[in-house]
Amino acid sequence: MEVDLGSSQAIGYVAVYNRLDCCQSWLGLYELWVSTTSGAPTVGTKCAEGDAGSSALVERRCPATGRYVSLLLPGSSRTLNIQELYVY
């Protein structure tokens, strides 16, 4: 999932709101990337990674500057199924 901020911005943290109705464990292991190039997140800065488990809310410091914020799920055959992603 990629969020376009419209222009390069200083980012403080990212909040991921997981679904509450089902499938919370699908988020699991994740990476947050900030990039200046659309469609190429891993060329930028990996600002956070972790295991969300079945948490309803994941907040991570993400001290980076860029236009695009990407939430990636490492591995194959994984489906991103979240409610919302906020960039602050």
N, C-alpha and C. Protein backbone atom coordinates (compact mmCIF):
# COMPACT_ATOMS: atom_id res chain seq x y z
N MET A 1 0.86 -1.16 0.00
CA MET A 1 0.00 0.00 0.00
C MET A 1 0.90 1.23 0.00
N GLU A 2 0.60 2.17 -0.87
CA GLU A 2 1.40 3.38 -0.97
C GLU A 2 0.51 4.61 -0.79
N VAL A 3 0.94 5.55 0.05
CA VAL A 3 0.23 6.80 0.27
C VAL A 3 1.06 7.92 -0.34
N ASP A 4 0.44 8.72 -1.21
CA ASP A 4 1.10 9.86 -1.85
C ASP A 4 0.76 11.11 -1.05
N LEU A 5 1.77 11.75 -0.47
CA LEU A 5 1.57 12.95 0.33
C LEU A 5 1.49 14.21 -0.52
N GLY A 6 1.69 14.09 -1.83
CA GLY A 6 1.59 15.23 -2.73
C GLY A 6 2.88 15.99 -2.94
N SER A 7 3.72 16.03 -1.94
CA SER A 7 5.04 16.65 -2.03
C SER A 7 5.89 16.05 -0.91
N SER A 8 7.17 16.30 -0.95
CA SER A 8 8.07 15.76 0.07
C SER A 8 7.74 16.40 1.42
N GLN A 9 7.59 15.56 2.43
CA GLN A 9 7.20 16.01 3.77
C GLN A 9 8.10 15.36 4.82
N ALA A 10 8.32 16.07 5.92
CA ALA A 10 8.98 15.47 7.09
C ALA A 10 7.92 14.67 7.83
N ILE A 11 8.23 13.43 8.16
CA ILE A 11 7.28 12.53 8.80
C ILE A 11 7.75 12.25 10.23
N GLY A 12 6.82 12.25 11.15
CA GLY A 12 7.14 11.95 12.54
C GLY A 12 6.78 10.53 12.91
N TYR A 13 5.54 10.14 12.61
CA TYR A 13 5.13 8.77 12.90
C TYR A 13 3.99 8.36 11.99
N VAL A 14 3.74 7.06 11.95
CA VAL A 14 2.68 6.48 11.12
C VAL A 14 1.80 5.64 12.04
N ALA A 15 0.49 5.75 11.86
CA ALA A 15 -0.47 4.94 12.61
C ALA A 15 -1.25 4.06 11.64
N VAL A 16 -1.28 2.77 11.92
CA VAL A 16 -2.02 1.81 11.12
C VAL A 16 -3.16 1.28 11.97
N TYR A 17 -4.38 1.50 11.50
CA TYR A 17 -5.56 0.99 12.19
C TYR A 17 -5.97 -0.32 11.53
N ASN A 18 -5.86 -1.36 12.29
CA ASN A 18 -6.19 -2.69 11.81
C ASN A 18 -7.71 -2.87 11.83
N ARG A 19 -8.19 -3.78 11.02
CA ARG A 19 -9.63 -4.08 11.04
C ARG A 19 -10.02 -4.67 12.38
N LEU A 20 -11.21 -4.35 12.85
CA LEU A 20 -11.70 -4.89 14.11
C LEU A 20 -12.67 -6.04 13.90
N ASP A 21 -13.26 -6.12 12.71
CA ASP A 21 -14.29 -7.12 12.48
C ASP A 21 -13.74 -8.50 12.13
N CYS A 22 -12.56 -8.55 11.53
CA CYS A 22 -11.95 -9.85 11.22
C CYS A 22 -10.51 -9.65 10.79
N CYS A 23 -9.79 -10.74 10.71
CA CYS A 23 -8.51 -10.82 10.01
C CYS A 23 -7.39 -9.95 10.58
N GLN A 24 -7.45 -9.59 11.86
CA GLN A 24 -6.41 -8.72 12.43
C GLN A 24 -5.03 -9.33 12.31
N SER A 25 -4.93 -10.63 12.40
CA SER A 25 -3.62 -11.28 12.35
C SER A 25 -2.98 -11.22 10.97
N TRP A 26 -3.73 -10.82 9.95
CA TRP A 26 -3.17 -10.76 8.61
C TRP A 26 -2.06 -9.72 8.50
N LEU A 27 -2.11 -8.66 9.30
CA LEU A 27 -1.06 -7.64 9.23
C LEU A 27 0.28 -8.25 9.63
N GLY A 28 0.34 -8.91 10.77
CA GLY A 28 1.55 -9.64 11.18
C GLY A 28 2.83 -8.85 11.00
N LEU A 29 3.81 -9.45 10.33
CA LEU A 29 5.09 -8.79 10.06
C LEU A 29 4.88 -7.74 8.98
N TYR A 30 5.43 -6.55 9.22
CA TYR A 30 5.26 -5.46 8.26
C TYR A 30 6.51 -4.59 8.23
N GLU A 31 6.61 -3.76 7.20
CA GLU A 31 7.67 -2.77 7.07
C GLU A 31 7.04 -1.45 6.62
N LEU A 32 7.53 -0.34 7.16
CA LEU A 32 7.13 0.99 6.72
C LEU A 32 8.31 1.64 6.02
N TRP A 33 8.07 2.12 4.81
CA TRP A 33 9.10 2.75 4.00
C TRP A 33 8.67 4.15 3.59
N VAL A 34 9.65 5.05 3.47
CA VAL A 34 9.42 6.40 2.96
C VAL A 34 10.33 6.58 1.76
N SER A 35 9.75 7.08 0.66
CA SER A 35 10.51 7.19 -0.58
C SER A 35 10.12 8.45 -1.33
N THR A 36 10.98 8.88 -2.23
CA THR A 36 10.68 10.00 -3.11
C THR A 36 10.20 9.51 -4.48
N THR A 37 10.19 8.19 -4.67
CA THR A 37 9.83 7.59 -5.94
C THR A 37 8.61 6.69 -5.79
N SER A 38 7.58 6.94 -6.58
CA SER A 38 6.39 6.11 -6.54
C SER A 38 6.68 4.71 -7.09
N GLY A 39 6.13 3.71 -6.45
CA GLY A 39 6.26 2.34 -6.93
C GLY A 39 7.59 1.68 -6.62
N ALA A 40 8.48 2.37 -5.94
CA ALA A 40 9.79 1.80 -5.60
C ALA A 40 10.11 2.07 -4.14
N PRO A 41 9.31 1.57 -3.22
CA PRO A 41 9.48 1.93 -1.81
C PRO A 41 10.80 1.49 -1.21
N THR A 42 11.32 0.35 -1.63
CA THR A 42 12.54 -0.15 -0.99
C THR A 42 13.79 0.59 -1.46
N VAL A 43 13.62 1.59 -2.32
CA VAL A 43 14.73 2.46 -2.70
C VAL A 43 14.88 3.58 -1.68
N GLY A 44 13.85 3.77 -0.86
CA GLY A 44 13.85 4.83 0.13
C GLY A 44 14.41 4.40 1.47
N THR A 45 13.79 4.90 2.53
CA THR A 45 14.23 4.65 3.89
C THR A 45 13.24 3.74 4.61
N LYS A 46 13.74 2.63 5.14
CA LYS A 46 12.89 1.79 5.99
C LYS A 46 12.89 2.44 7.36
N CYS A 47 11.75 2.98 7.75
CA CYS A 47 11.72 3.72 9.01
C CYS A 47 11.14 2.91 10.16
N ALA A 48 10.50 1.79 9.87
CA ALA A 48 9.97 0.96 10.95
C ALA A 48 9.66 -0.43 10.41
N GLU A 49 9.70 -1.40 11.32
CA GLU A 49 9.30 -2.76 11.01
C GLU A 49 8.90 -3.43 12.31
N GLY A 50 8.12 -4.47 12.19
CA GLY A 50 7.73 -5.16 13.41
C GLY A 50 6.69 -6.22 13.14
N ASP A 51 6.11 -6.71 14.21
CA ASP A 51 5.07 -7.71 14.15
C ASP A 51 3.85 -7.14 14.87
N ALA A 52 2.80 -6.87 14.13
CA ALA A 52 1.60 -6.27 14.70
C ALA A 52 0.78 -7.26 15.50
N GLY A 53 1.04 -8.56 15.31
CA GLY A 53 0.23 -9.56 15.99
C GLY A 53 -1.23 -9.36 15.64
N SER A 54 -2.07 -9.22 16.63
CA SER A 54 -3.48 -8.94 16.36
C SER A 54 -3.89 -7.59 16.96
N SER A 55 -2.93 -6.67 17.03
CA SER A 55 -3.19 -5.34 17.58
C SER A 55 -4.18 -4.57 16.71
N ALA A 56 -5.04 -3.80 17.34
CA ALA A 56 -6.00 -2.97 16.62
C ALA A 56 -5.33 -1.71 16.08
N LEU A 57 -4.28 -1.24 16.77
CA LEU A 57 -3.60 -0.01 16.38
C LEU A 57 -2.10 -0.23 16.48
N VAL A 58 -1.40 0.13 15.43
CA VAL A 58 0.07 0.07 15.42
C VAL A 58 0.56 1.48 15.16
N GLU A 59 1.30 2.05 16.10
CA GLU A 59 1.89 3.38 15.93
C GLU A 59 3.40 3.22 15.97
N ARG A 60 4.07 3.76 14.98
CA ARG A 60 5.53 3.64 14.91
C ARG A 60 6.14 4.99 14.56
N ARG A 61 7.21 5.31 15.29
CA ARG A 61 8.00 6.48 14.89
C ARG A 61 8.57 6.20 13.52
N CYS A 62 8.57 7.23 12.69
CA CYS A 62 9.03 7.06 11.31
C CYS A 62 9.76 8.33 10.90
N PRO A 63 10.91 8.61 11.52
CA PRO A 63 11.61 9.86 11.25
C PRO A 63 12.30 9.84 9.89
N ALA A 64 11.60 10.34 8.88
CA ALA A 64 12.15 10.36 7.52
C ALA A 64 11.46 11.47 6.74
N THR A 65 12.00 11.78 5.57
CA THR A 65 11.41 12.78 4.68
C THR A 65 11.19 12.15 3.32
N GLY A 66 10.00 12.35 2.77
CA GLY A 66 9.71 11.82 1.45
C GLY A 66 8.28 12.11 1.06
N ARG A 67 7.93 11.73 -0.15
CA ARG A 67 6.59 11.96 -0.68
C ARG A 67 5.68 10.74 -0.52
N TYR A 68 6.26 9.55 -0.57
CA TYR A 68 5.47 8.32 -0.57
C TYR A 68 5.76 7.51 0.70
N VAL A 69 4.71 7.08 1.34
CA VAL A 69 4.83 6.21 2.52
C VAL A 69 4.20 4.87 2.13
N SER A 70 4.97 3.80 2.30
CA SER A 70 4.50 2.48 1.90
C SER A 70 4.47 1.52 3.08
N LEU A 71 3.39 0.76 3.15
CA LEU A 71 3.26 -0.32 4.11
C LEU A 71 3.41 -1.62 3.33
N LEU A 72 4.47 -2.36 3.64
CA LEU A 72 4.76 -3.60 2.91
C LEU A 72 4.65 -4.80 3.85
N LEU A 73 4.22 -5.90 3.28
CA LEU A 73 4.17 -7.17 4.00
C LEU A 73 5.20 -8.10 3.38
N PRO A 74 6.34 -8.31 4.06
CA PRO A 74 7.37 -9.18 3.49
C PRO A 74 6.86 -10.62 3.37
N GLY A 75 7.37 -11.31 2.37
CA GLY A 75 6.96 -12.70 2.14
C GLY A 75 6.07 -12.79 0.92
N SER A 76 5.69 -13.99 0.59
CA SER A 76 4.86 -14.19 -0.60
C SER A 76 3.43 -14.54 -0.20
N SER A 77 2.53 -14.27 -1.07
CA SER A 77 1.11 -14.64 -0.90
C SER A 77 0.48 -14.07 0.36
N ARG A 78 0.78 -12.82 0.66
CA ARG A 78 0.16 -12.16 1.81
C ARG A 78 -0.79 -11.09 1.31
N THR A 79 -1.88 -10.89 2.02
CA THR A 79 -2.89 -9.91 1.64
C THR A 79 -2.96 -8.81 2.68
N LEU A 80 -2.83 -7.56 2.23
CA LEU A 80 -2.96 -6.42 3.13
C LEU A 80 -4.45 -6.16 3.34
N ASN A 81 -4.87 -6.10 4.58
CA ASN A 81 -6.28 -5.99 4.90
C ASN A 81 -6.42 -5.12 6.15
N ILE A 82 -6.20 -3.80 6.00
CA ILE A 82 -6.27 -2.88 7.14
C ILE A 82 -7.45 -1.94 6.96
N GLN A 83 -7.74 -1.17 8.00
CA GLN A 83 -8.83 -0.21 7.93
C GLN A 83 -8.33 1.14 7.44
N GLU A 84 -7.28 1.69 8.08
CA GLU A 84 -6.78 3.01 7.71
C GLU A 84 -5.28 3.12 8.02
N LEU A 85 -4.64 4.06 7.33
CA LEU A 85 -3.24 4.37 7.59
C LEU A 85 -3.11 5.87 7.63
N TYR A 86 -2.56 6.40 8.72
CA TYR A 86 -2.37 7.85 8.88
C TYR A 86 -0.89 8.15 8.97
N VAL A 87 -0.50 9.28 8.35
CA VAL A 87 0.88 9.74 8.37
C VAL A 87 0.90 11.09 9.07
N TYR A 88 1.75 11.21 10.10
CA TYR A 88 1.84 12.46 10.86
C TYR A 88 3.24 13.02 10.77
